[in-house]
Amino acid sequence: MSTAAAVSADLKALANKEVAKNRALFFKTAKGEYGYGDVFLGIEVPKLRVVAKAHLNLSLAQIKKLSASKLHEERFVALVILVLQFQKTKVKAEKKLLFDTYLELLKANRVNNWDLVDVTAPYLGVYLLDYAGAAALLSKLSKSKNLWEQRASIMFTWAYIRAGQLEVATKQIALFLDHPHDLIHKAGGWMLRETGKKDIKKLRAFLEKHAANMPRVMLRYSIEKMTESERAKWLNKAKG
């Protein structure tokens, strides 16, 4: 059976100081920035996934221990293992336990950067498709003062989009049109773009209603797959 210490040892053997320096800049770790205080070993994502798969049998207690690490890559691997276990199991009780654990880690600020949200919420969101409390949970997360809980509430909707339940995504995104942070704008625009891939009419209907008041970054992300002429049309309606 794997342990958090064994995972940590494997990761530290892959550390790269130059990559770590670049990661610290990329993930905005300076004082006052969203990733302030985060510490990086400097390991590329494909290598992190290899380590995660090698320790797939990590117990839930050890996943929680690893997720409490100050090192970004250790938290990343802990979360990837949790997702892989969630996807592997067919037992509903196990899926619930893993999903509830994720919410616990999210609330405890262990899922505390955009990549950690994006590597988890889109895949764990399938749990919500058959969960009676899904709407209440999404609403609660959207009202949180925690940026990462807010982003997770948007990224969870990718599961709904894949399932063809597009209104869930557009309704959730509409809650954030006045949000001040570009990481929320980007997430919302990304999910709108995915909505458009499923049904372009749904995206156009959303834009007809909201383009004039959408954050420009959100709008740009949402229309990336449109023709140049149509992109220009929507941008002309947008606020600055």
C-alpha atoms as a PDB file:
ATOM      1  CA  MET A   1       0.000   0.000   0.000  1.00  0.00           C
ATOM      2  CA  SER A   2       1.322   3.421  -0.972  1.00  0.00           C
ATOM      3  CA  THR A   3       1.825   6.219   1.524  1.00  0.00           C
ATOM      4  CA  ALA A   4       1.908  10.000   1.318  1.00  0.00           C
ATOM      5  CA  ALA A   5       5.594   9.825   2.239  1.00  0.00           C
ATOM      6  CA  ALA A   6       6.321   7.484  -0.677  1.00  0.00           C
ATOM      7  CA  VAL A   7       4.540   9.811  -3.108  1.00  0.00           C
ATOM      8  CA  SER A   8       6.447  12.765  -1.701  1.00  0.00           C
ATOM      9  CA  ALA A   9       9.760  10.963  -2.157  1.00  0.00           C
ATOM     10  CA  ASP A  10       8.941  10.100  -5.781  1.00  0.00           C
ATOM     11  CA  LEU A  11       8.026  13.706  -6.513  1.00  0.00           C
ATOM     12  CA  LYS A  12      11.057  15.235  -4.851  1.00  0.00           C
ATOM     13  CA  ALA A  13      13.250  13.003  -7.016  1.00  0.00           C
ATOM     14  CA  LEU A  14      11.742  14.725 -10.058  1.00  0.00           C
ATOM     15  CA  ALA A  15      12.147  18.294  -8.782  1.00  0.00           C
ATOM     16  CA  ASN A  16      13.585  20.911 -11.118  1.00  0.00           C
ATOM     17  CA  LYS A  17      14.540  24.307  -9.686  1.00  0.00           C
ATOM     18  CA  GLU A  18      14.329  26.156 -12.992  1.00  0.00           C
ATOM     19  CA  VAL A  19      10.858  24.786 -13.754  1.00  0.00           C
ATOM     20  CA  ALA A  20       9.824  25.604 -10.178  1.00  0.00           C
ATOM     21  CA  LYS A  21      10.896  29.211 -10.653  1.00  0.00           C
ATOM     22  CA  ASN A  22       8.844  29.501 -13.835  1.00  0.00           C
ATOM     23  CA  ARG A  23       5.840  27.835 -12.195  1.00  0.00           C
ATOM     24  CA  ALA A  24       5.943  30.302  -9.309  1.00  0.00           C
ATOM     25  CA  LEU A  25       5.710  33.168 -11.791  1.00  0.00           C
ATOM     26  CA  PHE A  26       3.043  31.515 -13.941  1.00  0.00           C
ATOM     27  CA  PHE A  27       0.772  30.710 -11.006  1.00  0.00           C
ATOM     28  CA  LYS A  28       1.045  34.199  -9.515  1.00  0.00           C
ATOM     29  CA  THR A  29       2.639  33.425  -6.150  1.00  0.00           C
ATOM     30  CA  ALA A  30       3.879  36.919  -5.293  1.00  0.00           C
ATOM     31  CA  LYS A  31       2.392  38.858  -2.392  1.00  0.00           C
ATOM     32  CA  GLY A  32      -1.072  40.106  -3.249  1.00  0.00           C
ATOM     33  CA  GLU A  33      -1.530  37.626  -6.118  1.00  0.00           C
ATOM     34  CA  TYR A  34      -4.017  34.746  -6.142  1.00  0.00           C
ATOM     35  CA  GLY A  35      -1.365  32.054  -5.611  1.00  0.00           C
ATOM     36  CA  TYR A  36       0.542  33.884  -2.886  1.00  0.00           C
ATOM     37  CA  GLY A  37       2.639  31.550  -0.762  1.00  0.00           C
ATOM     38  CA  ASP A  38       2.360  28.473  -2.971  1.00  0.00           C
ATOM     39  CA  VAL A  39       5.563  26.441  -3.278  1.00  0.00           C
ATOM     40  CA  PHE A  40       6.555  24.431  -6.358  1.00  0.00           C
ATOM     41  CA  LEU A  41       8.913  21.521  -6.889  1.00  0.00           C
ATOM     42  CA  GLY A  42       8.979  22.146 -10.630  1.00  0.00           C
ATOM     43  CA  ILE A  43       7.507  19.023 -12.262  1.00  0.00           C
ATOM     44  CA  GLU A  44       5.647  18.847 -15.567  1.00  0.00           C
ATOM     45  CA  VAL A  45       2.040  17.634 -15.504  1.00  0.00           C
ATOM     46  CA  PRO A  46       2.623  14.414 -17.524  1.00  0.00           C
ATOM     47  CA  LYS A  47       5.207  13.312 -14.953  1.00  0.00           C
ATOM     48  CA  LEU A  48       2.802  14.140 -12.130  1.00  0.00           C
ATOM     49  CA  ARG A  49       0.160  11.922 -13.706  1.00  0.00           C
ATOM     50  CA  VAL A  50       2.635   9.049 -13.969  1.00  0.00           C
ATOM     51  CA  VAL A  51       3.331   9.330 -10.240  1.00  0.00           C
ATOM     52  CA  ALA A  52      -0.403   9.493  -9.482  1.00  0.00           C
ATOM     53  CA  LYS A  53      -1.091   6.298 -11.437  1.00  0.00           C
ATOM     54  CA  ALA A  54       1.795   4.540  -9.690  1.00  0.00           C
ATOM     55  CA  HIS A  55       0.155   5.310  -6.337  1.00  0.00           C
ATOM     56  CA  LEU A  56      -3.459   4.738  -7.307  1.00  0.00           C
ATOM     57  CA  ASN A  57      -4.077   2.572  -4.216  1.00  0.00           C
ATOM     58  CA  LEU A  58      -3.273   5.432  -1.832  1.00  0.00           C
ATOM     59  CA  SER A  59      -5.747   5.309   1.057  1.00  0.00           C
ATOM     60  CA  LEU A  60      -8.178   8.149   1.643  1.00  0.00           C
ATOM     61  CA  ALA A  61      -6.421   9.050   4.889  1.00  0.00           C
ATOM     62  CA  GLN A  62      -3.103   9.289   3.025  1.00  0.00           C
ATOM     63  CA  ILE A  63      -4.710  11.298   0.207  1.00  0.00           C
ATOM     64  CA  LYS A  64      -5.886  13.795   2.805  1.00  0.00           C
ATOM     65  CA  LYS A  65      -2.423  13.883   4.355  1.00  0.00           C
ATOM     66  CA  LEU A  66      -0.769  14.492   0.982  1.00  0.00           C
ATOM     67  CA  SER A  67      -3.311  17.172   0.087  1.00  0.00           C
ATOM     68  CA  ALA A  68      -2.277  19.118   3.195  1.00  0.00           C
ATOM     69  CA  SER A  69       1.243  19.557   1.822  1.00  0.00           C
ATOM     70  CA  LYS A  70       2.650  23.046   1.256  1.00  0.00           C
ATOM     71  CA  LEU A  71       4.002  21.755  -2.071  1.00  0.00           C
ATOM     72  CA  HIS A  72       1.736  22.375  -5.042  1.00  0.00           C
ATOM     73  CA  GLU A  73       2.675  19.202  -6.900  1.00  0.00           C
ATOM     74  CA  GLU A  74       1.938  17.033  -3.878  1.00  0.00           C
ATOM     75  CA  ARG A  75      -1.549  18.510  -3.616  1.00  0.00           C
ATOM     76  CA  PHE A  76      -1.965  18.062  -7.389  1.00  0.00           C
ATOM     77  CA  VAL A  77      -1.083  14.366  -7.238  1.00  0.00           C
ATOM     78  CA  ALA A  78      -3.313  13.782  -4.206  1.00  0.00           C
ATOM     79  CA  LEU A  79      -6.250  15.271  -6.098  1.00  0.00           C
ATOM     80  CA  VAL A  80      -5.530  13.366  -9.303  1.00  0.00           C
ATOM     81  CA  ILE A  81      -5.456  10.107  -7.334  1.00  0.00           C
ATOM     82  CA  LEU A  82      -8.805  11.013  -5.778  1.00  0.00           C
ATOM     83  CA  VAL A  83     -10.294  11.621  -9.230  1.00  0.00           C
ATOM     84  CA  LEU A  84      -8.837   8.392 -10.629  1.00  0.00           C
ATOM     85  CA  GLN A  85     -10.287   6.417  -7.736  1.00  0.00           C
ATOM     86  CA  PHE A  86     -13.654   8.118  -8.245  1.00  0.00           C
ATOM     87  CA  GLN A  87     -13.646   7.210 -11.939  1.00  0.00           C
ATOM     88  CA  LYS A  88     -12.559   3.638 -11.267  1.00  0.00           C
ATOM     89  CA  THR A  89     -15.079   2.626  -8.619  1.00  0.00           C
ATOM     90  CA  LYS A  90     -18.593   1.446  -9.492  1.00  0.00           C
ATOM     91  CA  VAL A  91     -19.754   1.509  -5.872  1.00  0.00           C
ATOM     92  CA  LYS A  92     -22.075   4.452  -5.191  1.00  0.00           C
ATOM     93  CA  ALA A  93     -21.093   4.689  -1.531  1.00  0.00           C
ATOM     94  CA  GLU A  94     -17.421   4.960  -2.506  1.00  0.00           C
ATOM     95  CA  LYS A  95     -18.184   7.632  -5.083  1.00  0.00           C
ATOM     96  CA  LYS A  96     -20.080   9.607  -2.450  1.00  0.00           C
ATOM     97  CA  LEU A  97     -17.217   9.315   0.019  1.00  0.00           C
ATOM     98  CA  LEU A  98     -14.682  10.497  -2.561  1.00  0.00           C
ATOM     99  CA  PHE A  99     -16.887  13.367  -3.706  1.00  0.00           C
ATOM    100  CA  ASP A 100     -17.577  14.447  -0.125  1.00  0.00           C
ATOM    101  CA  THR A 101     -13.858  14.297   0.571  1.00  0.00           C
ATOM    102  CA  TYR A 102     -13.244  16.577  -2.380  1.00  0.00           C
ATOM    103  CA  LEU A 103     -15.729  19.120  -1.027  1.00  0.00           C
ATOM    104  CA  GLU A 104     -13.979  18.879   2.337  1.00  0.00           C
ATOM    105  CA  LEU A 105     -10.602  19.584   0.733  1.00  0.00           C
ATOM    106  CA  LEU A 106     -12.079  22.417  -1.318  1.00  0.00           C
ATOM    107  CA  LYS A 107     -13.508  24.040   1.802  1.00  0.00           C
ATOM    108  CA  ALA A 108     -10.202  23.563   3.639  1.00  0.00           C
ATOM    109  CA  ASN A 109      -8.425  25.458   0.827  1.00  0.00           C
ATOM    110  CA  ARG A 110      -6.402  22.442  -0.287  1.00  0.00           C
ATOM    111  CA  VAL A 111      -7.720  22.936  -3.833  1.00  0.00           C
ATOM    112  CA  ASN A 112      -6.235  26.389  -3.996  1.00  0.00           C
ATOM    113  CA  ASN A 113      -5.244  27.226  -7.543  1.00  0.00           C
ATOM    114  CA  TRP A 114      -6.996  27.150 -10.893  1.00  0.00           C
ATOM    115  CA  ASP A 115      -5.161  24.069 -12.165  1.00  0.00           C
ATOM    116  CA  LEU A 116      -6.162  22.115  -9.059  1.00  0.00           C
ATOM    117  CA  VAL A 117      -9.801  23.041  -9.647  1.00  0.00           C
ATOM    118  CA  ASP A 118      -9.639  22.253 -13.341  1.00  0.00           C
ATOM    119  CA  VAL A 119      -8.044  18.821 -12.874  1.00  0.00           C
ATOM    120  CA  THR A 120     -10.823  17.796 -10.498  1.00  0.00           C
ATOM    121  CA  ALA A 121     -14.187  19.546 -10.728  1.00  0.00           C
ATOM    122  CA  PRO A 122     -14.949  18.793 -14.413  1.00  0.00           C
ATOM    123  CA  TYR A 123     -14.596  15.050 -13.741  1.00  0.00           C
ATOM    124  CA  LEU A 124     -16.109  14.818 -10.276  1.00  0.00           C
ATOM    125  CA  GLY A 125     -19.064  16.854 -11.477  1.00  0.00           C
ATOM    126  CA  VAL A 126     -20.698  13.719 -12.897  1.00  0.00           C
ATOM    127  CA  TYR A 127     -21.658  12.887  -9.316  1.00  0.00           C
ATOM    128  CA  LEU A 128     -24.013  15.856  -9.345  1.00  0.00           C
ATOM    129  CA  LEU A 129     -26.042  14.540 -12.284  1.00  0.00           C
ATOM    130  CA  ASP A 130     -27.872  12.125  -9.962  1.00  0.00           C
ATOM    131  CA  TYR A 131     -27.507  14.093  -6.742  1.00  0.00           C
ATOM    132  CA  ALA A 132     -30.712  15.611  -5.345  1.00  0.00           C
ATOM    133  CA  GLY A 133     -28.806  18.401  -3.626  1.00  0.00           C
ATOM    134  CA  ALA A 134     -26.854  19.475  -6.696  1.00  0.00           C
ATOM    135  CA  ALA A 135     -28.659  22.764  -7.306  1.00  0.00           C
ATOM    136  CA  ALA A 136     -28.290  23.790  -3.667  1.00  0.00           C
ATOM    137  CA  LEU A 137     -24.594  22.892  -3.697  1.00  0.00           C
ATOM    138  CA  LEU A 138     -23.878  24.883  -6.853  1.00  0.00           C
ATOM    139  CA  SER A 139     -25.727  27.850  -5.398  1.00  0.00           C
ATOM    140  CA  LYS A 140     -23.823  27.606  -2.120  1.00  0.00           C
ATOM    141  CA  LEU A 141     -20.447  27.423  -3.851  1.00  0.00           C
ATOM    142  CA  SER A 142     -21.297  30.362  -6.100  1.00  0.00           C
ATOM    143  CA  LYS A 143     -21.982  32.492  -3.018  1.00  0.00           C
ATOM    144  CA  SER A 144     -18.757  31.502  -1.291  1.00  0.00           C
ATOM    145  CA  LYS A 145     -16.095  34.119  -0.614  1.00  0.00           C
ATOM    146  CA  ASN A 146     -13.498  31.544  -1.677  1.00  0.00           C
ATOM    147  CA  LEU A 147     -12.397  32.083  -5.277  1.00  0.00           C
ATOM    148  CA  TRP A 148     -11.667  28.385  -5.792  1.00  0.00           C
ATOM    149  CA  GLU A 149     -15.084  27.260  -4.572  1.00  0.00           C
ATOM    150  CA  GLN A 150     -16.602  29.743  -6.980  1.00  0.00           C
ATOM    151  CA  ARG A 151     -14.511  28.459  -9.881  1.00  0.00           C
ATOM    152  CA  ALA A 152     -15.368  24.866  -8.946  1.00  0.00           C
ATOM    153  CA  SER A 153     -19.072  25.707  -9.129  1.00  0.00           C
ATOM    154  CA  ILE A 154     -18.548  26.696 -12.752  1.00  0.00           C
ATOM    155  CA  MET A 155     -16.227  23.834 -13.673  1.00  0.00           C
ATOM    156  CA  PHE A 156     -18.622  21.270 -12.180  1.00  0.00           C
ATOM    157  CA  THR A 157     -21.036  22.204 -14.962  1.00  0.00           C
ATOM    158  CA  TRP A 158     -18.833  20.637 -17.631  1.00  0.00           C
ATOM    159  CA  ALA A 159     -20.390  17.318 -16.611  1.00  0.00           C
ATOM    160  CA  TYR A 160     -23.829  18.774 -17.305  1.00  0.00           C
ATOM    161  CA  ILE A 161     -22.680  20.088 -20.659  1.00  0.00           C
ATOM    162  CA  ARG A 162     -21.353  16.678 -21.664  1.00  0.00           C
ATOM    163  CA  ALA A 163     -24.695  15.205 -20.593  1.00  0.00           C
ATOM    164  CA  GLY A 164     -26.598  17.724 -22.720  1.00  0.00           C
ATOM    165  CA  GLN A 165     -28.047  19.624 -19.732  1.00  0.00           C
ATOM    166  CA  LEU A 166     -26.846  22.977 -20.995  1.00  0.00           C
ATOM    167  CA  GLU A 167     -29.222  25.161 -19.000  1.00  0.00           C
ATOM    168  CA  VAL A 168     -27.488  24.174 -15.776  1.00  0.00           C
ATOM    169  CA  ALA A 169     -24.221  25.584 -17.101  1.00  0.00           C
ATOM    170  CA  THR A 170     -25.627  28.805 -18.543  1.00  0.00           C
ATOM    171  CA  LYS A 171     -27.644  29.473 -15.371  1.00  0.00           C
ATOM    172  CA  GLN A 172     -24.535  29.000 -13.221  1.00  0.00           C
ATOM    173  CA  ILE A 173     -22.346  31.191 -15.393  1.00  0.00           C
ATOM    174  CA  ALA A 174     -24.933  33.965 -15.377  1.00  0.00           C
ATOM    175  CA  LEU A 175     -24.392  34.274 -11.622  1.00  0.00           C
ATOM    176  CA  PHE A 176     -20.851  35.562 -12.220  1.00  0.00           C
ATOM    177  CA  LEU A 177     -21.332  38.284 -14.824  1.00  0.00           C
ATOM    178  CA  ASP A 178     -20.391  40.957 -12.289  1.00  0.00           C
ATOM    179  CA  HIS A 179     -17.542  39.025 -10.694  1.00  0.00           C
ATOM    180  CA  PRO A 180     -14.272  41.007 -10.480  1.00  0.00           C
ATOM    181  CA  HIS A 181     -11.724  38.215 -11.063  1.00  0.00           C
ATOM    182  CA  ASP A 182     -10.479  37.151 -14.478  1.00  0.00           C
ATOM    183  CA  LEU A 183     -10.087  33.519 -13.346  1.00  0.00           C
ATOM    184  CA  ILE A 184     -13.866  33.403 -12.985  1.00  0.00           C
ATOM    185  CA  HIS A 185     -14.338  35.182 -16.318  1.00  0.00           C
ATOM    186  CA  LYS A 186     -12.098  32.644 -18.044  1.00  0.00           C
ATOM    187  CA  ALA A 187     -13.850  29.649 -16.475  1.00  0.00           C
ATOM    188  CA  GLY A 188     -17.255  31.008 -17.440  1.00  0.00           C
ATOM    189  CA  GLY A 189     -16.168  31.745 -20.992  1.00  0.00           C
ATOM    190  CA  TRP A 190     -14.625  28.302 -21.308  1.00  0.00           C
ATOM    191  CA  MET A 191     -17.839  26.573 -20.239  1.00  0.00           C
ATOM    192  CA  LEU A 192     -19.864  28.789 -22.572  1.00  0.00           C
ATOM    193  CA  ARG A 193     -17.572  27.739 -25.415  1.00  0.00           C
ATOM    194  CA  GLU A 194     -18.189  24.089 -24.517  1.00  0.00           C
ATOM    195  CA  THR A 195     -21.924  24.834 -24.461  1.00  0.00           C
ATOM    196  CA  GLY A 196     -21.635  26.253 -27.971  1.00  0.00           C
ATOM    197  CA  LYS A 197     -19.916  23.095 -29.174  1.00  0.00           C
ATOM    198  CA  LYS A 198     -22.979  21.154 -28.032  1.00  0.00           C
ATOM    199  CA  ASP A 199     -25.588  23.645 -29.237  1.00  0.00           C
ATOM    200  CA  ILE A 200     -24.549  26.905 -30.881  1.00  0.00           C
ATOM    201  CA  LYS A 201     -28.108  28.223 -30.598  1.00  0.00           C
ATOM    202  CA  LYS A 202     -27.909  27.967 -26.803  1.00  0.00           C
ATOM    203  CA  LEU A 203     -24.709  29.971 -26.771  1.00  0.00           C
ATOM    204  CA  ARG A 204     -26.123  32.599 -29.108  1.00  0.00           C
ATOM    205  CA  ALA A 205     -29.235  32.914 -26.958  1.00  0.00           C
ATOM    206  CA  PHE A 206     -27.037  33.479 -23.892  1.00  0.00           C
ATOM    207  CA  LEU A 207     -25.010  36.096 -25.755  1.00  0.00           C
ATOM    208  CA  GLU A 208     -28.106  37.894 -27.017  1.00  0.00           C
ATOM    209  CA  LYS A 209     -29.171  38.320 -23.405  1.00  0.00           C
ATOM    210  CA  HIS A 210     -25.826  38.990 -21.746  1.00  0.00           C
ATOM    211  CA  ALA A 211     -23.106  40.043 -24.231  1.00  0.00           C
ATOM    212  CA  ALA A 212     -23.511  43.744 -23.513  1.00  0.00           C
ATOM    213  CA  ASN A 213     -22.849  43.161 -19.810  1.00  0.00           C
ATOM    214  CA  MET A 214     -20.372  40.283 -19.877  1.00  0.00           C
ATOM    215  CA  PRO A 215     -16.747  40.703 -18.828  1.00  0.00           C
ATOM    216  CA  ARG A 216     -14.798  41.004 -22.069  1.00  0.00           C
ATOM    217  CA  VAL A 217     -12.496  38.095 -21.210  1.00  0.00           C
ATOM    218  CA  MET A 218     -15.495  35.827 -20.629  1.00  0.00           C
ATOM    219  CA  LEU A 219     -16.993  36.890 -23.938  1.00  0.00           C
ATOM    220  CA  ARG A 220     -13.751  36.355 -25.846  1.00  0.00           C
ATOM    221  CA  TYR A 221     -13.343  32.864 -24.461  1.00  0.00           C
ATOM    222  CA  SER A 222     -16.946  31.971 -25.268  1.00  0.00           C
ATOM    223  CA  ILE A 223     -16.767  32.966 -28.944  1.00  0.00           C
ATOM    224  CA  GLU A 224     -13.344  31.531 -29.833  1.00  0.00           C
ATOM    225  CA  LYS A 225     -14.793  28.848 -32.136  1.00  0.00           C
ATOM    226  CA  MET A 226     -17.013  31.244 -34.090  1.00  0.00           C
ATOM    227  CA  THR A 227     -16.194  32.831 -37.416  1.00  0.00           C
ATOM    228  CA  GLU A 228     -14.275  36.092 -37.410  1.00  0.00           C
ATOM    229  CA  SER A 229     -17.326  38.028 -38.545  1.00  0.00           C
ATOM    230  CA  GLU A 230     -19.539  36.604 -35.819  1.00  0.00           C
ATOM    231  CA  ARG A 231     -16.888  37.223 -33.167  1.00  0.00           C
ATOM    232  CA  ALA A 232     -16.746  40.864 -34.277  1.00  0.00           C
ATOM    233  CA  LYS A 233     -20.528  41.117 -33.983  1.00  0.00           C
ATOM    234  CA  TRP A 234     -20.548  39.998 -30.352  1.00  0.00           C
ATOM    235  CA  LEU A 235     -17.481  42.025 -29.369  1.00  0.00           C
ATOM    236  CA  ASN A 236     -19.143  45.147 -30.680  1.00  0.00           C
ATOM    237  CA  LYS A 237     -21.940  44.575 -28.172  1.00  0.00           C
ATOM    238  CA  ALA A 238     -19.641  44.051 -25.220  1.00  0.00           C
ATOM    239  CA  LYS A 239     -18.720  46.431 -22.466  1.00  0.00           C
ATOM    240  CA  GLY A 240     -15.130  47.553 -22.311  1.00  0.00           C
END
